[in-house]
PDB file of all heavy atoms in Angstrom:
ATOM      1  N   ARG A   1     211.295 131.625 172.837  1.00  0.00           N
ATOM      2  CA  ARG A   1     211.660 130.214 172.892  1.00  0.00           C
ATOM      3  C   ARG A   1     212.359 129.840 171.586  1.00  0.00           C
ATOM      4  O   ARG A   1     211.918 130.258 170.514  1.00  0.00           O
ATOM      5  CB  ARG A   1     210.408 129.327 173.063  1.00  0.00           C
ATOM      6  CG  ARG A   1     210.713 127.844 173.275  1.00  0.00           C
ATOM      7  CD  ARG A   1     209.439 127.025 173.338  1.00  0.00           C
ATOM      8  NE  ARG A   1     208.732 127.069 172.064  1.00  0.00           N
ATOM      9  CZ  ARG A   1     209.022 126.305 171.024  1.00  0.00           C
ATOM     10  NH1 ARG A   1     209.988 125.414 171.097  1.00  0.00           N
ATOM     11  NH2 ARG A   1     208.342 126.411 169.900  1.00  0.00           N
ATOM     12  N   VAL A   2     213.426 129.087 171.696  1.00  0.00           N
ATOM     13  CA  VAL A   2     214.141 128.642 170.493  1.00  0.00           C
ATOM     14  C   VAL A   2     213.311 127.540 169.839  1.00  0.00           C
ATOM     15  O   VAL A   2     213.175 126.444 170.381  1.00  0.00           O
ATOM     16  CB  VAL A   2     215.547 128.121 170.828  1.00  0.00           C
ATOM     17  CG1 VAL A   2     216.269 127.677 169.549  1.00  0.00           C
ATOM     18  CG2 VAL A   2     216.362 129.183 171.552  1.00  0.00           C
ATOM     19  N   ALA A   3     212.759 127.837 168.662  1.00  0.00           N
ATOM     20  CA  ALA A   3     211.949 126.855 167.959  1.00  0.00           C
ATOM     21  C   ALA A   3     212.814 125.836 167.253  1.00  0.00           C
ATOM     22  O   ALA A   3     212.531 124.636 167.257  1.00  0.00           O
ATOM     23  CB  ALA A   3     211.045 127.561 166.944  1.00  0.00           C
ATOM     24  N   PHE A   4     213.889 126.303 166.621  1.00  0.00           N
ATOM     25  CA  PHE A   4     214.826 125.419 165.930  1.00  0.00           C
ATOM     26  C   PHE A   4     216.099 126.195 165.654  1.00  0.00           C
ATOM     27  O   PHE A   4     216.170 127.402 165.890  1.00  0.00           O
ATOM     28  CB  PHE A   4     214.223 124.864 164.620  1.00  0.00           C
ATOM     29  CG  PHE A   4     213.825 125.931 163.619  1.00  0.00           C
ATOM     30  CD1 PHE A   4     214.673 126.307 162.597  1.00  0.00           C
ATOM     31  CD2 PHE A   4     212.569 126.540 163.708  1.00  0.00           C
ATOM     32  CE1 PHE A   4     214.307 127.287 161.680  1.00  0.00           C
ATOM     33  CE2 PHE A   4     212.204 127.516 162.785  1.00  0.00           C
ATOM     34  CZ  PHE A   4     213.063 127.887 161.772  1.00  0.00           C
ATOM     35  N   CYS A   5     217.102 125.509 165.171  1.00  0.00           N
ATOM     36  CA  CYS A   5     218.402 126.137 164.881  1.00  0.00           C
ATOM     37  C   CYS A   5     218.772 125.868 163.417  1.00  0.00           C
ATOM     38  O   CYS A   5     218.354 124.869 162.826  1.00  0.00           O
ATOM     39  CB  CYS A   5     219.485 125.593 165.792  1.00  0.00           C
ATOM     40  SG  CYS A   5     219.190 125.937 167.560  1.00  0.00           S
ATOM     41  N   GLY A   6     219.571 126.750 162.861  1.00  0.00           N
ATOM     42  CA  GLY A   6     219.993 126.564 161.471  1.00  0.00           C
ATOM     43  C   GLY A   6     220.717 127.797 160.970  1.00  0.00           C
ATOM     44  O   GLY A   6     221.101 128.655 161.747  1.00  0.00           O
ATOM     45  N   PHE A   7     220.892 127.890 159.668  1.00  0.00           N
ATOM     46  CA  PHE A   7     221.534 128.997 158.983  1.00  0.00           C
ATOM     47  C   PHE A   7     223.040 128.992 159.199  1.00  0.00           C
ATOM     48  O   PHE A   7     223.821 128.966 158.275  1.00  0.00           O
ATOM     49  CB  PHE A   7     220.910 130.347 159.381  1.00  0.00           C
ATOM     50  CG  PHE A   7     221.627 131.550 158.839  1.00  0.00           C
ATOM     51  CD1 PHE A   7     221.738 131.753 157.479  1.00  0.00           C
ATOM     52  CD2 PHE A   7     222.196 132.482 159.691  1.00  0.00           C
ATOM     53  CE1 PHE A   7     222.416 132.862 156.967  1.00  0.00           C
ATOM     54  CE2 PHE A   7     222.858 133.599 159.197  1.00  0.00           C
ATOM     55  CZ  PHE A   7     222.960 133.765 157.835  1.00  0.00           C
ATOM     56  N   SER A   8     223.467 129.020 160.456  1.00  0.00           N
ATOM     57  CA  SER A   8     224.880 128.911 160.791  1.00  0.00           C
ATOM     58  C   SER A   8     224.986 128.307 162.191  1.00  0.00           C
ATOM     59  O   SER A   8     224.020 128.348 162.953  1.00  0.00           O
ATOM     60  CB  SER A   8     225.563 130.294 160.750  1.00  0.00           C
ATOM     61  OG  SER A   8     225.057 131.144 161.763  1.00  0.00           O
ATOM     62  N   PRO A   9     226.119 127.717 162.542  1.00  0.00           N
ATOM     63  CA  PRO A   9     226.253 127.082 163.856  1.00  0.00           C
ATOM     64  C   PRO A   9     225.915 128.051 164.993  1.00  0.00           C
ATOM     65  O   PRO A   9     226.498 129.140 165.067  1.00  0.00           O
ATOM     66  CB  PRO A   9     227.709 126.645 163.899  1.00  0.00           C
ATOM     67  CG  PRO A   9     228.097 126.459 162.457  1.00  0.00           C
ATOM     68  CD  PRO A   9     227.349 127.545 161.728  1.00  0.00           C
ATOM     69  N   GLY A  10     224.964 127.658 165.831  1.00  0.00           N
ATOM     70  CA  GLY A  10     224.598 128.472 166.977  1.00  0.00           C
ATOM     71  C   GLY A  10     223.470 129.457 166.729  1.00  0.00           C
ATOM     72  O   GLY A  10     223.058 130.164 167.655  1.00  0.00           O
ATOM     73  N   PHE A  11     222.939 129.504 165.497  1.00  0.00           N
ATOM     74  CA  PHE A  11     221.869 130.451 165.195  1.00  0.00           C
ATOM     75  C   PHE A  11     220.528 129.838 165.582  1.00  0.00           C
ATOM     76  O   PHE A  11     220.106 128.829 164.993  1.00  0.00           O
ATOM     77  CB  PHE A  11     221.870 130.826 163.709  1.00  0.00           C
ATOM     78  CG  PHE A  11     220.977 131.997 163.380  1.00  0.00           C
ATOM     79  CD1 PHE A  11     221.497 133.264 163.211  1.00  0.00           C
ATOM     80  CD2 PHE A  11     219.609 131.825 163.251  1.00  0.00           C
ATOM     81  CE1 PHE A  11     220.672 134.339 162.906  1.00  0.00           C
ATOM     82  CE2 PHE A  11     218.770 132.884 162.940  1.00  0.00           C
ATOM     83  CZ  PHE A  11     219.308 134.154 162.774  1.00  0.00           C
ATOM     84  N   GLY A  12     219.848 130.428 166.535  1.00  0.00           N
ATOM     85  CA  GLY A  12     218.538 129.946 166.960  1.00  0.00           C
ATOM     86  C   GLY A  12     217.429 130.834 166.429  1.00  0.00           C
ATOM     87  O   GLY A  12     217.549 132.082 166.438  1.00  0.00           O
ATOM     88  N   TYR A  13     216.348 130.228 165.963  1.00  0.00           N
ATOM     89  CA  TYR A  13     215.169 130.957 165.513  1.00  0.00           C
ATOM     90  C   TYR A  13     214.230 131.048 166.709  1.00  0.00           C
ATOM     91  O   TYR A  13     213.663 130.041 167.144  1.00  0.00           O
ATOM     92  CB  TYR A  13     214.508 130.234 164.338  1.00  0.00           C
ATOM     93  CG  TYR A  13     215.298 130.326 163.052  1.00  0.00           C
ATOM     94  CD1 TYR A  13     216.432 129.549 162.866  1.00  0.00           C
ATOM     95  CD2 TYR A  13     214.914 131.201 162.052  1.00  0.00           C
ATOM     96  CE1 TYR A  13     217.168 129.638 161.677  1.00  0.00           C
ATOM     97  CE2 TYR A  13     215.630 131.292 160.857  1.00  0.00           C
ATOM     98  CZ  TYR A  13     216.748 130.499 160.689  1.00  0.00           C
ATOM     99  OH  TYR A  13     217.480 130.597 159.517  1.00  0.00           O
ATOM    100  N   LEU A  14     214.062 132.275 167.232  1.00  0.00           N
ATOM    101  CA  LEU A  14     213.302 132.491 168.461  1.00  0.00           C
ATOM    102  C   LEU A  14     211.889 132.973 168.156  1.00  0.00           C
ATOM    103  O   LEU A  14     211.701 133.933 167.393  1.00  0.00           O
ATOM    104  CB  LEU A  14     213.997 133.535 169.340  1.00  0.00           C
ATOM    105  CG  LEU A  14     215.214 133.106 170.166  1.00  0.00           C
ATOM    106  CD1 LEU A  14     216.331 132.553 169.287  1.00  0.00           C
ATOM    107  CD2 LEU A  14     215.731 134.267 170.989  1.00  0.00           C
ATOM    108  N   THR A  15     210.900 132.302 168.733  1.00  0.00           N
ATOM    109  CA  THR A  15     209.520 132.712 168.604  1.00  0.00           C
ATOM    110  C   THR A  15     209.031 133.331 169.907  1.00  0.00           C
ATOM    111  O   THR A  15     209.636 133.130 170.962  1.00  0.00           O
ATOM    112  CB  THR A  15     208.619 131.529 168.240  1.00  0.00           C
ATOM    113  OG1 THR A  15     208.738 130.514 169.252  1.00  0.00           O
ATOM    114  CG2 THR A  15     208.989 130.937 166.896  1.00  0.00           C
ATOM    115  N   GLY A  16     207.944 134.063 169.846  1.00  0.00           N
ATOM    116  CA  GLY A  16     207.367 134.649 171.054  1.00  0.00           C
ATOM    117  C   GLY A  16     206.655 135.956 170.797  1.00  0.00           C
ATOM    118  O   GLY A  16     205.695 136.302 171.492  1.00  0.00           O
ATOM    119  N   LEU A  17     207.103 136.712 169.784  1.00  0.00           N
ATOM    120  CA  LEU A  17     206.420 137.962 169.457  1.00  0.00           C
ATOM    121  C   LEU A  17     205.044 137.664 168.858  1.00  0.00           C
ATOM    122  O   LEU A  17     204.888 136.666 168.148  1.00  0.00           O
ATOM    123  CB  LEU A  17     207.246 138.780 168.466  1.00  0.00           C
ATOM    124  CG  LEU A  17     208.526 139.438 169.023  1.00  0.00           C
ATOM    125  CD1 LEU A  17     209.342 140.019 167.877  1.00  0.00           C
ATOM    126  CD2 LEU A  17     208.185 140.506 170.052  1.00  0.00           C
ATOM    127  N   PRO A  18     204.042 138.506 169.121  1.00  0.00           N
ATOM    128  CA  PRO A  18     202.708 138.282 168.527  1.00  0.00           C
ATOM    129  C   PRO A  18     202.737 138.399 167.023  1.00  0.00           C
ATOM    130  O   PRO A  18     203.640 139.023 166.440  1.00  0.00           O
ATOM    131  CB  PRO A  18     201.842 139.368 169.190  1.00  0.00           C
ATOM    132  CG  PRO A  18     202.817 140.411 169.645  1.00  0.00           C
ATOM    133  CD  PRO A  18     204.092 139.701 169.982  1.00  0.00           C
ATOM    134  N   ALA A  19     201.732 137.820 166.379  1.00  0.00           N
ATOM    135  CA  ALA A  19     201.665 137.770 164.923  1.00  0.00           C
ATOM    136  C   ALA A  19     201.728 139.164 164.290  1.00  0.00           C
ATOM    137  O   ALA A  19     202.300 139.356 163.214  1.00  0.00           O
ATOM    138  CB  ALA A  19     200.419 137.046 164.475  1.00  0.00           C
ATOM    139  N   GLU A  20     201.147 140.168 164.950  1.00  0.00           N
ATOM    140  CA  GLU A  20     201.147 141.514 164.362  1.00  0.00           C
ATOM    141  C   GLU A  20     202.509 142.176 164.385  1.00  0.00           C
ATOM    142  O   GLU A  20     202.693 143.253 163.806  1.00  0.00           O
ATOM    143  CB  GLU A  20     200.120 142.405 165.083  1.00  0.00           C
ATOM    144  CG  GLU A  20     200.387 142.631 166.548  1.00  0.00           C
ATOM    145  CD  GLU A  20     199.665 141.619 167.450  1.00  0.00           C
ATOM    146  OE1 GLU A  20     199.344 140.512 166.947  1.00  0.00           O
ATOM    147  OE2 GLU A  20     199.454 141.934 168.634  1.00  0.00           O
ATOM    148  N   ARG A  21     203.482 141.541 165.026  1.00  0.00           N
ATOM    149  CA  ARG A  21     204.848 142.090 165.046  1.00  0.00           C
ATOM    150  C   ARG A  21     205.735 141.435 163.995  1.00  0.00           C
ATOM    151  O   ARG A  21     206.961 141.640 163.988  1.00  0.00           O
ATOM    152  CB  ARG A  21     205.465 141.906 166.431  1.00  0.00           C
ATOM    153  CG  ARG A  21     204.770 142.688 167.546  1.00  0.00           C
ATOM    154  CD  ARG A  21     204.507 144.117 167.175  1.00  0.00           C
ATOM    155  NE  ARG A  21     204.101 144.939 168.312  1.00  0.00           N
ATOM    156  CZ  ARG A  21     203.427 146.074 168.190  1.00  0.00           C
ATOM    157  NH1 ARG A  21     203.070 146.503 166.979  1.00  0.00           N
ATOM    158  NH2 ARG A  21     203.094 146.781 169.254  1.00  0.00           N
ATOM    159  N   THR A  22     205.175 140.667 163.095  1.00  0.00           N
ATOM    160  CA  THR A  22     205.942 140.099 161.981  1.00  0.00           C
ATOM    161  C   THR A  22     206.521 141.229 161.128  1.00  0.00           C
ATOM    162  O   THR A  22     205.830 142.214 160.839  1.00  0.00           O
ATOM    163  CB  THR A  22     205.030 139.205 161.116  1.00  0.00           C
ATOM    164  OG1 THR A  22     204.610 138.094 161.899  1.00  0.00           O
ATOM    165  CG2 THR A  22     205.758 138.697 159.895  1.00  0.00           C
ATOM    166  N   VAL A  23     207.774 141.111 160.751  1.00  0.00           N
ATOM    167  CA  VAL A  23     208.404 142.133 159.904  1.00  0.00           C
ATOM    168  C   VAL A  23     209.048 141.455 158.699  1.00  0.00           C
ATOM    169  O   VAL A  23     209.533 140.324 158.787  1.00  0.00           O
ATOM    170  CB  VAL A  23     209.466 142.951 160.666  1.00  0.00           C
ATOM    171  CG1 VAL A  23     208.852 143.687 161.848  1.00  0.00           C
ATOM    172  CG2 VAL A  23     210.609 142.081 161.141  1.00  0.00           C
ATOM    173  N   PRO A  24     209.077 142.135 157.559  1.00  0.00           N
ATOM    174  CA  PRO A  24     209.708 141.548 156.364  1.00  0.00           C
ATOM    175  C   PRO A  24     211.231 141.607 156.474  1.00  0.00           C
ATOM    176  O   PRO A  24     211.795 142.446 157.182  1.00  0.00           O
ATOM    177  CB  PRO A  24     209.208 142.442 155.236  1.00  0.00           C
ATOM    178  CG  PRO A  24     209.008 143.781 155.891  1.00  0.00           C
ATOM    179  CD  PRO A  24     208.522 143.485 157.282  1.00  0.00           C
ATOM    180  N   ARG A  25     211.887 140.732 155.751  1.00  0.00           N
ATOM    181  CA  ARG A  25     213.330 140.856 155.604  1.00  0.00           C
ATOM    182  C   ARG A  25     213.640 142.100 154.788  1.00  0.00           C
ATOM    183  O   ARG A  25     212.786 142.636 154.080  1.00  0.00           O
ATOM    184  CB  ARG A  25     213.901 139.623 154.880  1.00  0.00           C
ATOM    185  CG  ARG A  25     213.812 138.336 155.690  1.00  0.00           C
ATOM    186  CD  ARG A  25     214.199 137.150 154.829  1.00  0.00           C
ATOM    187  NE  ARG A  25     214.087 135.897 155.559  1.00  0.00           N
ATOM    188  CZ  ARG A  25     215.108 135.284 156.146  1.00  0.00           C
ATOM    189  NH1 ARG A  25     216.325 135.812 156.070  1.00  0.00           N
ATOM    190  NH2 ARG A  25     214.930 134.160 156.795  1.00  0.00           N
ATOM    191  N   ARG A  26     214.864 142.555 154.876  1.00  0.00           N
ATOM    192  CA  ARG A  26     215.295 143.707 154.082  1.00  0.00           C
ATOM    193  C   ARG A  26     215.216 143.364 152.587  1.00  0.00           C
ATOM    194  O   ARG A  26     215.506 142.223 152.185  1.00  0.00           O
ATOM    195  CB  ARG A  26     216.722 144.081 154.430  1.00  0.00           C
ATOM    196  CG  ARG A  26     216.882 144.783 155.761  1.00  0.00           C
ATOM    197  CD  ARG A  26     218.342 144.969 156.101  1.00  0.00           C
ATOM    198  NE  ARG A  26     219.130 145.535 155.006  1.00  0.00           N
ATOM    199  CZ  ARG A  26     219.226 146.834 154.757  1.00  0.00           C
ATOM    200  NH1 ARG A  26     218.593 147.715 155.528  1.00  0.00           N
ATOM    201  NH2 ARG A  26     219.963 147.263 153.749  1.00  0.00           N
ATOM    202  N   ALA A  27     214.847 144.336 151.777  1.00  0.00           N
ATOM    203  CA  ALA A  27     214.790 144.126 150.344  1.00  0.00           C
ATOM    204  C   ALA A  27     216.168 143.798 149.783  1.00  0.00           C
ATOM    205  O   ALA A  27     216.303 142.997 148.846  1.00  0.00           O
ATOM    206  CB  ALA A  27     214.203 145.354 149.653  1.00  0.00           C
ATOM    207  N   SER A  28     217.215 144.404 150.353  1.00  0.00           N
ATOM    208  CA  SER A  28     218.590 144.143 149.922  1.00  0.00           C
ATOM    209  C   SER A  28     219.381 143.649 151.120  1.00  0.00           C
ATOM    210  O   SER A  28     219.673 144.436 152.034  1.00  0.00           O
ATOM    211  CB  SER A  28     219.236 145.416 149.361  1.00  0.00           C
ATOM    212  OG  SER A  28     218.534 145.871 148.222  1.00  0.00           O
ATOM    213  N   PRO A  29     219.743 142.363 151.167  1.00  0.00           N
ATOM    214  CA  PRO A  29     220.552 141.855 152.278  1.00  0.00           C
ATOM    215  C   PRO A  29     221.898 142.571 152.392  1.00  0.00           C
ATOM    216  O   PRO A  29     222.455 143.036 151.390  1.00  0.00           O
ATOM    217  CB  PRO A  29     220.738 140.373 151.932  1.00  0.00           C
ATOM    218  CG  PRO A  29     219.654 140.052 150.980  1.00  0.00           C
ATOM    219  CD  PRO A  29     219.420 141.308 150.195  1.00  0.00           C
ATOM    220  N   ARG A  30     222.394 142.658 153.600  1.00  0.00           N
ATOM    221  CA  ARG A  30     223.720 143.235 153.806  1.00  0.00           C
ATOM    222  C   ARG A  30     224.775 142.194 153.464  1.00  0.00           C
ATOM    223  O   ARG A  30     224.611 141.001 153.729  1.00  0.00           O
ATOM    224  CB  ARG A  30     223.880 143.669 155.259  1.00  0.00           C
ATOM    225  CG  ARG A  30     223.002 144.856 155.634  1.00  0.00           C
ATOM    226  CD  ARG A  30     223.205 145.228 157.095  1.00  0.00           C
ATOM    227  NE  ARG A  30     222.548 146.494 157.415  1.00  0.00           N
ATOM    228  CZ  ARG A  30     221.298 146.594 157.876  1.00  0.00           C
ATOM    229  NH1 ARG A  30     220.587 145.498 158.093  1.00  0.00           N
ATOM    230  NH2 ARG A  30     220.765 147.770 158.123  1.00  0.00           N
ATOM    231  N   ALA A  31     225.894 142.650 152.908  1.00  0.00           N
ATOM    232  CA  ALA A  31     226.987 141.737 152.569  1.00  0.00           C
ATOM    233  C   ALA A  31     227.647 141.203 153.818  1.00  0.00           C
ATOM    234  O   ALA A  31     228.200 140.092 153.807  1.00  0.00           O
ATOM    235  CB  ALA A  31     228.016 142.453 151.690  1.00  0.00           C
ATOM    236  N   ARG A  32     227.625 141.963 154.908  1.00  0.00           N
ATOM    237  CA  ARG A  32     228.231 141.509 156.146  1.00  0.00           C
ATOM    238  C   ARG A  32     227.451 142.034 157.337  1.00  0.00           C
ATOM    239  O   ARG A  32     227.240 143.239 157.455  1.00  0.00           O
ATOM    240  CB  ARG A  32     229.685 141.982 156.250  1.00  0.00           C
ATOM    241  CG  ARG A  32     230.424 141.416 157.490  1.00  0.00           C
ATOM    242  CD  ARG A  32     231.832 141.966 157.566  1.00  0.00           C
ATOM    243  NE  ARG A  32     232.634 141.339 158.619  1.00  0.00           N
ATOM    244  CZ  ARG A  32     232.581 141.703 159.908  1.00  0.00           C
ATOM    245  NH1 ARG A  32     231.759 142.689 160.283  1.00  0.00           N
ATOM    246  NH2 ARG A  32     233.313 141.081 160.806  1.00  0.00           N
ATOM    247  N   VAL A  33     227.020 141.119 158.190  1.00  0.00           N
ATOM    248  CA  VAL A  33     226.385 141.455 159.461  1.00  0.00           C
ATOM    249  C   VAL A  33     227.330 141.010 160.572  1.00  0.00           C
ATOM    250  O   VAL A  33     227.802 139.884 160.572  1.00  0.00           O
ATOM    251  CB  VAL A  33     225.000 140.761 159.616  1.00  0.00           C
ATOM    252  CG1 VAL A  33     224.417 141.024 160.980  1.00  0.00           C
ATOM    253  CG2 VAL A  33     224.059 141.203 158.509  1.00  0.00           C
ATOM    254  N   ALA A  34     227.605 141.893 161.503  1.00  0.00           N
ATOM    255  CA  ALA A  34     228.572 141.597 162.559  1.00  0.00           C
ATOM    256  C   ALA A  34     228.064 140.516 163.513  1.00  0.00           C
ATOM    257  O   ALA A  34     226.845 140.431 163.769  1.00  0.00           O
ATOM    258  CB  ALA A  34     228.892 142.867 163.344  1.00  0.00           C
TER     259      ALA A  34
END
């Protein structure tokens, strides 16, 4: 389910995975994500 939108136009933050499936962000962000 789309909980809210942000970051860039059209980017939805989707919830639904159980708490034990939480994952950290990458230690080093990529300069470009397609």
